[in-house]
Amino acid sequence: EWIDVRTFGQVFAFKGEEVSFGVRGPVSIHQAVS
């Protein structure tokens, strides 16, 4: 459904829902320094 979820990953944990799940994306971004 969402390109950023499959790229970076996402945690789906919502209050009041019994189901939570995480998606681990293949792209990790780190802080940039000049």
Full PDB file with SEQRES, HELIX, SHEET, SSBOND, CRYST1, ORIGX, SCALE, CONECT and MASTER records, all heavy atoms in Angstrom:
SEQRES   1 A   34  GLU TRP ILE ASP VAL ARG THR PHE GLY GLN VAL PHE ALA          
SEQRES   2 A   34  PHE LYS GLY GLU GLU VAL SER PHE GLY VAL ARG GLY PRO          
SEQRES   3 A   34  VAL SER ILE HIS GLN ALA VAL SER                              
HELIX    1 AA1 ILE A    3  PHE A    8  1                                   6    
SHEET    1 AA1 2 GLY A   9  PHE A  12  0                                        
SHEET    2 AA1 2 PHE A  21  ARG A  24 -1                                        
CRYST1    1.000    1.000    1.000  90.00  90.00  90.00 P 1           1          
ORIGX1      1.000000  0.000000  0.000000        0.00000                         
ORIGX2      0.000000  1.000000  0.000000        0.00000                         
ORIGX3      0.000000  0.000000  1.000000        0.00000                         
SCALE1      1.000000  0.000000  0.000000        0.00000                         
SCALE2      0.000000  1.000000  0.000000        0.00000                         
SCALE3      0.000000  0.000000  1.000000        0.00000                         
ATOM      1  N   GLU A   1       0.804  -1.226   0.000  1.00  0.00           N  
ATOM      2  CA  GLU A   1       0.000   0.000   0.000  1.00  0.00           C  
ATOM      3  C   GLU A   1       0.842   1.284   0.000  1.00  0.00           C  
ATOM      4  O   GLU A   1       0.523   2.239  -0.690  1.00  0.00           O  
ATOM      5  CB  GLU A   1      -0.913  -0.021   1.232  1.00  0.00           C  
ATOM      6  CG  GLU A   1      -2.044   0.932   1.196  1.00  0.00           C  
ATOM      7  CD  GLU A   1      -3.130   0.544   0.220  1.00  0.00           C  
ATOM      8  OE1 GLU A   1      -3.256  -0.641  -0.144  1.00  0.00           O  
ATOM      9  OE2 GLU A   1      -3.868   1.449  -0.185  1.00  0.00           O  
ATOM     10  N   TRP A   2       1.921   1.305   0.801  1.00  0.00           N  
ATOM     11  CA  TRP A   2       2.685   2.544   0.998  1.00  0.00           C  
ATOM     12  C   TRP A   2       4.172   2.318   0.736  1.00  0.00           C  
ATOM     13  O   TRP A   2       4.811   1.463   1.353  1.00  0.00           O  
ATOM     14  CB  TRP A   2       2.493   3.049   2.424  1.00  0.00           C  
ATOM     15  CG  TRP A   2       1.066   3.367   2.749  1.00  0.00           C  
ATOM     16  CD1 TRP A   2       0.333   4.422   2.289  1.00  0.00           C  
ATOM     17  CD2 TRP A   2       0.192   2.629   3.616  1.00  0.00           C  
ATOM     18  NE1 TRP A   2      -0.931   4.387   2.807  1.00  0.00           N  
ATOM     19  CE2 TRP A   2      -1.048   3.296   3.633  1.00  0.00           C  
ATOM     20  CE3 TRP A   2       0.341   1.480   4.392  1.00  0.00           C  
ATOM     21  CZ2 TRP A   2      -2.134   2.855   4.382  1.00  0.00           C  
ATOM     22  CZ3 TRP A   2      -0.736   1.039   5.125  1.00  0.00           C  
ATOM     23  CH2 TRP A   2      -1.956   1.720   5.122  1.00  0.00           C  
ATOM     24  N   ILE A   3       4.741   3.143  -0.148  1.00  0.00           N  
ATOM     25  CA  ILE A   3       6.140   2.968  -0.543  1.00  0.00           C  
ATOM     26  C   ILE A   3       7.109   3.271   0.603  1.00  0.00           C  
ATOM     27  O   ILE A   3       8.156   2.634   0.710  1.00  0.00           O  
ATOM     28  CB  ILE A   3       6.483   3.807  -1.796  1.00  0.00           C  
ATOM     29  CG1 ILE A   3       7.850   3.388  -2.341  1.00  0.00           C  
ATOM     30  CG2 ILE A   3       6.412   5.300  -1.499  1.00  0.00           C  
ATOM     31  CD1 ILE A   3       8.185   3.967  -3.700  1.00  0.00           C  
ATOM     32  N   ASP A   4       6.789   4.216   1.471  1.00  0.00           N  
ATOM     33  CA  ASP A   4       7.710   4.527   2.567  1.00  0.00           C  
ATOM     34  C   ASP A   4       7.756   3.419   3.611  1.00  0.00           C  
ATOM     35  O   ASP A   4       8.776   3.210   4.256  1.00  0.00           O  
ATOM     36  CB  ASP A   4       7.404   5.879   3.208  1.00  0.00           C  
ATOM     37  CG  ASP A   4       6.016   5.963   3.831  1.00  0.00           C  
ATOM     38  OD1 ASP A   4       5.081   5.314   3.311  1.00  0.00           O  
ATOM     39  OD2 ASP A   4       5.856   6.700   4.824  1.00  0.00           O  
ATOM     40  N   VAL A   5       6.657   2.660   3.754  1.00  0.00           N  
ATOM     41  CA  VAL A   5       6.653   1.530   4.688  1.00  0.00           C  
ATOM     42  C   VAL A   5       7.597   0.449   4.175  1.00  0.00           C  
ATOM     43  O   VAL A   5       8.414  -0.088   4.926  1.00  0.00           O  
ATOM     44  CB  VAL A   5       5.230   0.962   4.889  1.00  0.00           C  
ATOM     45  CG1 VAL A   5       5.259  -0.323   5.701  1.00  0.00           C  
ATOM     46  CG2 VAL A   5       4.338   1.995   5.558  1.00  0.00           C  
ATOM     47  N   ARG A   6       7.513   0.132   2.884  1.00  0.00           N  
ATOM     48  CA  ARG A   6       8.396  -0.925   2.366  1.00  0.00           C  
ATOM     49  C   ARG A   6       9.822  -0.442   2.211  1.00  0.00           C  
ATOM     50  O   ARG A   6      10.738  -1.244   2.147  1.00  0.00           O  
ATOM     51  CB  ARG A   6       7.850  -1.524   1.082  1.00  0.00           C  
ATOM     52  CG  ARG A   6       7.933  -0.700  -0.147  1.00  0.00           C  
ATOM     53  CD  ARG A   6       7.474  -1.545  -1.356  1.00  0.00           C  
ATOM     54  NE  ARG A   6       7.332  -0.770  -2.544  1.00  0.00           N  
ATOM     55  CZ  ARG A   6       6.194  -0.252  -2.987  1.00  0.00           C  
ATOM     56  NH1 ARG A   6       5.084  -0.458  -2.318  1.00  0.00           N  
ATOM     57  NH2 ARG A   6       6.161   0.448  -4.090  1.00  0.00           N  
ATOM     58  N   THR A   7      10.050   0.873   2.195  1.00  0.00           N  
ATOM     59  CA  THR A   7      11.406   1.408   2.074  1.00  0.00           C  
ATOM     60  C   THR A   7      12.093   1.523   3.427  1.00  0.00           C  
ATOM     61  O   THR A   7      13.157   0.954   3.645  1.00  0.00           O  
ATOM     62  CB  THR A   7      11.369   2.790   1.393  1.00  0.00           C  
ATOM     63  OG1 THR A   7      10.731   2.666   0.123  1.00  0.00           O  
ATOM     64  CG2 THR A   7      12.768   3.331   1.195  1.00  0.00           C  
ATOM     65  N   PHE A   8      11.473   2.267   4.357  1.00  0.00           N  
ATOM     66  CA  PHE A   8      12.096   2.547   5.653  1.00  0.00           C  
ATOM     67  C   PHE A   8      11.620   1.630   6.770  1.00  0.00           C  
ATOM     68  O   PHE A   8      12.246   1.567   7.823  1.00  0.00           O  
ATOM     69  CB  PHE A   8      11.810   3.994   6.078  1.00  0.00           C  
ATOM     70  CG  PHE A   8      12.231   5.023   5.081  1.00  0.00           C  
ATOM     71  CD1 PHE A   8      11.329   5.934   4.587  1.00  0.00           C  
ATOM     72  CD2 PHE A   8      13.536   5.084   4.633  1.00  0.00           C  
ATOM     73  CE1 PHE A   8      11.702   6.894   3.669  1.00  0.00           C  
ATOM     74  CE2 PHE A   8      13.921   6.035   3.713  1.00  0.00           C  
ATOM     75  CZ  PHE A   8      13.008   6.945   3.227  1.00  0.00           C  
ATOM     76  N   GLY A   9      10.473   0.966   6.577  1.00  0.00           N  
ATOM     77  CA  GLY A   9       9.876   0.185   7.650  1.00  0.00           C  
ATOM     78  C   GLY A   9       8.937   1.058   8.464  1.00  0.00           C  
ATOM     79  O   GLY A   9       8.886   2.277   8.288  1.00  0.00           O  
ATOM     80  N   GLN A  10       8.173   0.421   9.342  1.00  0.00           N  
ATOM     81  CA  GLN A  10       7.200   1.161  10.146  1.00  0.00           C  
ATOM     82  C   GLN A  10       6.704   0.248  11.260  1.00  0.00           C  
ATOM     83  O   GLN A  10       6.587  -0.951  11.073  1.00  0.00           O  
ATOM     84  CB  GLN A  10       6.015   1.586   9.274  1.00  0.00           C  
ATOM     85  CG  GLN A  10       4.955   2.392   9.960  1.00  0.00           C  
ATOM     86  CD  GLN A  10       5.435   3.777  10.341  1.00  0.00           C  
ATOM     87  OE1 GLN A  10       6.163   4.411   9.589  1.00  0.00           O  
ATOM     88  NE2 GLN A  10       5.050   4.227  11.511  1.00  0.00           N  
ATOM     89  N   VAL A  11       6.416   0.824  12.402  1.00  0.00           N  
ATOM     90  CA  VAL A  11       5.790   0.090  13.491  1.00  0.00           C  
ATOM     91  C   VAL A  11       4.314   0.454  13.491  1.00  0.00           C  
ATOM     92  O   VAL A  11       3.956   1.635  13.509  1.00  0.00           O  
ATOM     93  CB  VAL A  11       6.428   0.432  14.850  1.00  0.00           C  
ATOM     94  CG1 VAL A  11       5.679  -0.240  15.989  1.00  0.00           C  
ATOM     95  CG2 VAL A  11       7.889   0.022  14.863  1.00  0.00           C  
ATOM     96  N   PHE A  12       3.449  -0.548  13.461  1.00  0.00           N  
ATOM     97  CA  PHE A  12       2.006  -0.363  13.519  1.00  0.00           C  
ATOM     98  C   PHE A  12       1.532  -0.842  14.884  1.00  0.00           C  
ATOM     99  O   PHE A  12       1.368  -2.036  15.107  1.00  0.00           O  
ATOM    100  CB  PHE A  12       1.310  -1.163  12.411  1.00  0.00           C  
ATOM    101  CG  PHE A  12       1.531  -0.613  11.030  1.00  0.00           C  
ATOM    102  CD1 PHE A  12       2.681  -0.926  10.319  1.00  0.00           C  
ATOM    103  CD2 PHE A  12       0.596   0.219  10.451  1.00  0.00           C  
ATOM    104  CE1 PHE A  12       2.890  -0.421   9.047  1.00  0.00           C  
ATOM    105  CE2 PHE A  12       0.795   0.731   9.178  1.00  0.00           C  
ATOM    106  CZ  PHE A  12       1.952   0.410   8.479  1.00  0.00           C  
ATOM    107  N   ALA A  13       1.354   0.090  15.799  1.00  0.00           N  
ATOM    108  CA  ALA A  13       0.876  -0.227  17.145  1.00  0.00           C  
ATOM    109  C   ALA A  13      -0.103   0.869  17.535  1.00  0.00           C  
ATOM    110  O   ALA A  13       0.303   2.003  17.768  1.00  0.00           O  
ATOM    111  CB  ALA A  13       2.036  -0.281  18.129  1.00  0.00           C  
ATOM    112  N   PHE A  14      -1.386   0.530  17.580  1.00  0.00           N  
ATOM    113  CA  PHE A  14      -2.408   1.527  17.843  1.00  0.00           C  
ATOM    114  C   PHE A  14      -3.138   1.207  19.136  1.00  0.00           C  
ATOM    115  O   PHE A  14      -3.461   0.054  19.417  1.00  0.00           O  
ATOM    116  CB  PHE A  14      -3.407   1.591  16.683  1.00  0.00           C  
ATOM    117  CG  PHE A  14      -2.764   1.947  15.373  1.00  0.00           C  
ATOM    118  CD1 PHE A  14      -2.651   1.015  14.364  1.00  0.00           C  
ATOM    119  CD2 PHE A  14      -2.265   3.223  15.164  1.00  0.00           C  
ATOM    120  CE1 PHE A  14      -2.060   1.340  13.154  1.00  0.00           C  
ATOM    121  CE2 PHE A  14      -1.677   3.564  13.958  1.00  0.00           C  
ATOM    122  CZ  PHE A  14      -1.574   2.626  12.950  1.00  0.00           C  
ATOM    123  N   LYS A  15      -3.408   2.242  19.903  1.00  0.00           N  
ATOM    124  CA  LYS A  15      -4.127   2.105  21.166  1.00  0.00           C  
ATOM    125  C   LYS A  15      -5.506   1.501  20.901  1.00  0.00           C  
ATOM    126  O   LYS A  15      -6.207   1.894  19.982  1.00  0.00           O  
ATOM    127  CB  LYS A  15      -4.264   3.487  21.800  1.00  0.00           C  
ATOM    128  CG  LYS A  15      -4.877   3.472  23.163  1.00  0.00           C  
ATOM    129  CD  LYS A  15      -4.892   4.884  23.738  1.00  0.00           C  
ATOM    130  CE  LYS A  15      -5.475   4.884  25.122  1.00  0.00           C  
ATOM    131  NZ  LYS A  15      -5.461   6.216  25.703  1.00  0.00           N  
ATOM    132  N   GLY A  16      -5.841   0.514  21.701  1.00  0.00           N  
ATOM    133  CA  GLY A  16      -7.155  -0.098  21.582  1.00  0.00           C  
ATOM    134  C   GLY A  16      -7.208  -1.261  20.598  1.00  0.00           C  
ATOM    135  O   GLY A  16      -8.227  -1.907  20.469  1.00  0.00           O  
ATOM    136  N   GLU A  17      -6.130  -1.508  19.879  1.00  0.00           N  
ATOM    137  CA  GLU A  17      -6.092  -2.638  18.940  1.00  0.00           C  
ATOM    138  C   GLU A  17      -5.273  -3.759  19.550  1.00  0.00           C  
ATOM    139  O   GLU A  17      -4.242  -3.521  20.172  1.00  0.00           O  
ATOM    140  CB  GLU A  17      -5.470  -2.217  17.600  1.00  0.00           C  
ATOM    141  CG  GLU A  17      -6.218  -1.136  16.867  1.00  0.00           C  
ATOM    142  CD  GLU A  17      -7.545  -1.609  16.302  1.00  0.00           C  
ATOM    143  OE1 GLU A  17      -7.792  -2.824  16.251  1.00  0.00           O  
ATOM    144  OE2 GLU A  17      -8.346  -0.742  15.923  1.00  0.00           O  
ATOM    145  N   GLU A  18      -5.703  -4.986  19.358  1.00  0.00           N  
ATOM    146  CA  GLU A  18      -4.970  -6.134  19.891  1.00  0.00           C  
ATOM    147  C   GLU A  18      -3.814  -6.534  18.981  1.00  0.00           C  
ATOM    148  O   GLU A  18      -2.936  -7.275  19.393  1.00  0.00           O  
ATOM    149  CB  GLU A  18      -5.913  -7.325  20.085  1.00  0.00           C  
ATOM    150  CG  GLU A  18      -6.927  -7.090  21.186  1.00  0.00           C  
ATOM    151  CD  GLU A  18      -7.787  -8.309  21.426  1.00  0.00           C  
ATOM    152  OE1 GLU A  18      -7.297  -9.437  21.267  1.00  0.00           O  
ATOM    153  OE2 GLU A  18      -8.959  -8.123  21.780  1.00  0.00           O  
ATOM    154  N   VAL A  19      -3.834  -6.078  17.750  1.00  0.00           N  
ATOM    155  CA  VAL A  19      -2.810  -6.454  16.784  1.00  0.00           C  
ATOM    156  C   VAL A  19      -1.819  -5.311  16.615  1.00  0.00           C  
ATOM    157  O   VAL A  19      -2.206  -4.178  16.372  1.00  0.00           O  
ATOM    158  CB  VAL A  19      -3.440  -6.778  15.407  1.00  0.00           C  
ATOM    159  CG1 VAL A  19      -2.374  -7.135  14.400  1.00  0.00           C  
ATOM    160  CG2 VAL A  19      -4.441  -7.894  15.551  1.00  0.00           C  
ATOM    161  N   SER A  20      -0.566  -5.613  16.778  1.00  0.00           N  
ATOM    162  CA  SER A  20       0.484  -4.670  16.428  1.00  0.00           C  
ATOM    163  C   SER A  20       1.537  -5.462  15.666  1.00  0.00           C  
ATOM    164  O   SER A  20       1.722  -6.661  15.891  1.00  0.00           O  
ATOM    165  CB  SER A  20       1.068  -4.005  17.671  1.00  0.00           C  
ATOM    166  OG  SER A  20       1.661  -4.960  18.507  1.00  0.00           O  
ATOM    167  N   PHE A  21       2.200  -4.777  14.747  1.00  0.00           N  
ATOM    168  CA  PHE A  21       3.220  -5.457  13.955  1.00  0.00           C  
ATOM    169  C   PHE A  21       4.231  -4.436  13.458  1.00  0.00           C  
ATOM    170  O   PHE A  21       3.954  -3.241  13.405  1.00  0.00           O  
ATOM    171  CB  PHE A  21       2.596  -6.226  12.782  1.00  0.00           C  
ATOM    172  CG  PHE A  21       1.864  -5.365  11.788  1.00  0.00           C  
ATOM    173  CD1 PHE A  21       2.501  -4.940  10.629  1.00  0.00           C  
ATOM    174  CD2 PHE A  21       0.554  -4.980  12.001  1.00  0.00           C  
ATOM    175  CE1 PHE A  21       1.834  -4.144   9.716  1.00  0.00           C  
ATOM    176  CE2 PHE A  21      -0.119  -4.197  11.092  1.00  0.00           C  
ATOM    177  CZ  PHE A  21       0.525  -3.771   9.945  1.00  0.00           C  
ATOM    178  N   GLY A  22       5.394  -4.911  13.147  1.00  0.00           N  
ATOM    179  CA  GLY A  22       6.444  -4.047  12.628  1.00  0.00           C  
ATOM    180  C   GLY A  22       6.878  -4.517  11.259  1.00  0.00           C  
ATOM    181  O   GLY A  22       6.836  -5.702  10.950  1.00  0.00           O  
ATOM    182  N   VAL A  23       7.267  -3.561  10.441  1.00  0.00           N  
ATOM    183  CA  VAL A  23       7.816  -3.844   9.119  1.00  0.00           C  
ATOM    184  C   VAL A  23       9.246  -3.341   9.137  1.00  0.00           C  
ATOM    185  O   VAL A  23       9.506  -2.203   9.515  1.00  0.00           O  
ATOM    186  CB  VAL A  23       7.014  -3.128   8.006  1.00  0.00           C  
ATOM    187  CG1 VAL A  23       7.644  -3.363   6.657  1.00  0.00           C  
ATOM    188  CG2 VAL A  23       5.568  -3.570   8.021  1.00  0.00           C  
ATOM    189  N   ARG A  24      10.148  -4.192   8.743  1.00  0.00           N  
ATOM    190  CA  ARG A  24      11.558  -3.816   8.705  1.00  0.00           C  
ATOM    191  C   ARG A  24      11.928  -3.477   7.267  1.00  0.00           C  
ATOM    192  O   ARG A  24      11.841  -4.321   6.384  1.00  0.00           O  
ATOM    193  CB  ARG A  24      12.400  -4.962   9.222  1.00  0.00           C  
ATOM    194  CG  ARG A  24      13.775  -4.541   9.569  1.00  0.00           C  
ATOM    195  CD  ARG A  24      14.473  -5.643  10.298  1.00  0.00           C  
ATOM    196  NE  ARG A  24      15.786  -5.156  10.594  1.00  0.00           N  
ATOM    197  CZ  ARG A  24      16.490  -5.502  11.618  1.00  0.00           C  
ATOM    198  NH1 ARG A  24      16.004  -6.381  12.449  1.00  0.00           N  
ATOM    199  NH2 ARG A  24      17.677  -5.013  11.818  1.00  0.00           N  
ATOM    200  N   GLY A  25      12.304  -2.231   7.038  1.00  0.00           N  
ATOM    201  CA  GLY A  25      12.645  -1.793   5.691  1.00  0.00           C  
ATOM    202  C   GLY A  25      14.121  -1.973   5.389  1.00  0.00           C  
ATOM    203  O   GLY A  25      14.955  -1.964   6.292  1.00  0.00           O  
ATOM    204  N   PRO A  26      14.464  -2.114   4.121  1.00  0.00           N  
ATOM    205  CA  PRO A  26      15.857  -2.334   3.737  1.00  0.00           C  
ATOM    206  C   PRO A  26      16.704  -1.062   3.704  1.00  0.00           C  
ATOM    207  O   PRO A  26      17.925  -1.138   3.615  1.00  0.00           O  
ATOM    208  CB  PRO A  26      15.731  -2.931   2.335  1.00  0.00           C  
ATOM    209  CG  PRO A  26      14.478  -2.343   1.797  1.00  0.00           C  
ATOM    210  CD  PRO A  26      13.561  -2.218   2.983  1.00  0.00           C  
ATOM    211  N   VAL A  27      16.073   0.098   3.799  1.00  0.00           N  
ATOM    212  CA  VAL A  27      16.822   1.357   3.705  1.00  0.00           C  
ATOM    213  C   VAL A  27      16.906   2.005   5.073  1.00  0.00           C  
ATOM    214  O   VAL A  27      15.890   2.253   5.721  1.00  0.00           O  
ATOM    215  CB  VAL A  27      16.144   2.337   2.710  1.00  0.00           C  
ATOM    216  CG1 VAL A  27      16.890   3.660   2.659  1.00  0.00           C  
ATOM    217  CG2 VAL A  27      16.058   1.714   1.332  1.00  0.00           C  
ATOM    218  N   SER A  28      18.122   2.260   5.527  1.00  0.00           N  
ATOM    219  CA  SER A  28      18.297   3.001   6.779  1.00  0.00           C  
ATOM    220  C   SER A  28      19.060   4.286   6.466  1.00  0.00           C  
ATOM    221  O   SER A  28      19.987   4.298   5.665  1.00  0.00           O  
ATOM    222  CB  SER A  28      19.041   2.165   7.828  1.00  0.00           C  
ATOM    223  OG  SER A  28      20.309   1.797   7.371  1.00  0.00           O  
ATOM    224  N   ILE A  29      18.622   5.353   7.077  1.00  0.00           N  
ATOM    225  CA  ILE A  29      19.191   6.675   6.861  1.00  0.00           C  
ATOM    226  C   ILE A  29      19.844   7.115   8.166  1.00  0.00           C  
ATOM    227  O   ILE A  29      19.273   6.933   9.244  1.00  0.00           O  
ATOM    228  CB  ILE A  29      18.090   7.693   6.469  1.00  0.00           C  
ATOM    229  CG1 ILE A  29      17.294   7.225   5.260  1.00  0.00           C  
ATOM    230  CG2 ILE A  29      18.677   9.071   6.250  1.00  0.00           C  
ATOM    231  CD1 ILE A  29      18.003   7.273   3.951  1.00  0.00           C  
ATOM    232  N   HIS A  30      21.015   7.695   8.051  1.00  0.00           N  
ATOM    233  CA  HIS A  30      21.707   8.194   9.235  1.00  0.00           C  
ATOM    234  C   HIS A  30      21.867   9.699   9.133  1.00  0.00           C  
ATOM    235  O   HIS A  30      21.740  10.284   8.063  1.00  0.00           O  
ATOM    236  CB  HIS A  30      23.076   7.518   9.369  1.00  0.00           C  
ATOM    237  CG  HIS A  30      22.967   6.037   9.528  1.00  0.00           C  
ATOM    238  ND1 HIS A  30      22.713   5.445  10.728  1.00  0.00           N  
ATOM    239  CD2 HIS A  30      23.022   5.033   8.621  1.00  0.00           C  
ATOM    240  CE1 HIS A  30      22.633   4.130  10.558  1.00  0.00           C  
ATOM    241  NE2 HIS A  30      22.806   3.862   9.285  1.00  0.00           N  
ATOM    242  N   GLN A  31      22.161  10.302  10.255  1.00  0.00           N  
ATOM    243  CA  GLN A  31      22.346  11.748  10.326  1.00  0.00           C  
ATOM    244  C   GLN A  31      23.471  12.190   9.392  1.00  0.00           C  
ATOM    245  O   GLN A  31      24.481  11.517   9.250  1.00  0.00           O  
ATOM    246  CB  GLN A  31      22.696  12.097  11.772  1.00  0.00           C  
ATOM    247  CG  GLN A  31      23.137  13.489  12.005  1.00  0.00           C  
ATOM    248  CD  GLN A  31      23.465  13.697  13.468  1.00  0.00           C  
ATOM    249  OE1 GLN A  31      22.632  13.400  14.309  1.00  0.00           O  
ATOM    250  NE2 GLN A  31      24.634  14.185  13.757  1.00  0.00           N  
ATOM    251  N   ALA A  32      23.284  13.337   8.756  1.00  0.00           N  
ATOM    252  CA  ALA A  32      24.308  13.897   7.873  1.00  0.00           C  
ATOM    253  C   ALA A  32      25.088  14.968   8.630  1.00  0.00           C  
ATOM    254  O   ALA A  32      24.534  15.700   9.445  1.00  0.00           O  
ATOM    255  CB  ALA A  32      23.658  14.502   6.644  1.00  0.00           C  
ATOM    256  N   VAL A  33      26.392  15.039   8.356  1.00  0.00           N  
ATOM    257  CA  VAL A  33      27.257  16.030   9.003  1.00  0.00           C  
ATOM    258  C   VAL A  33      28.043  16.744   7.914  1.00  0.00           C  
ATOM    259  O   VAL A  33      28.516  16.128   6.964  1.00  0.00           O  
ATOM    260  CB  VAL A  33      28.230  15.330   9.995  1.00  0.00           C  
ATOM    261  CG1 VAL A  33      29.133  16.352  10.672  1.00  0.00           C  
ATOM    262  CG2 VAL A  33      27.465  14.537  11.030  1.00  0.00           C  
ATOM    263  N   SER A  34      28.191  18.059   8.072  1.00  0.00           N  
ATOM    264  CA  SER A  34      28.897  18.834   7.052  1.00  0.00           C  
ATOM    265  C   SER A  34      30.388  18.532   7.055  1.00  0.00           C  
ATOM    266  O   SER A  34      30.957  18.110   8.066  1.00  0.00           O  
ATOM    267  CB  SER A  34      28.654  20.329   7.265  1.00  0.00           C  
ATOM    268  OG  SER A  34      29.221  20.767   8.479  1.00  0.00           O  
TER     269      SER A  34                                                      
MASTER        0    0    0    1    2    0    0    6  268    1    0    3          
END                                                                             
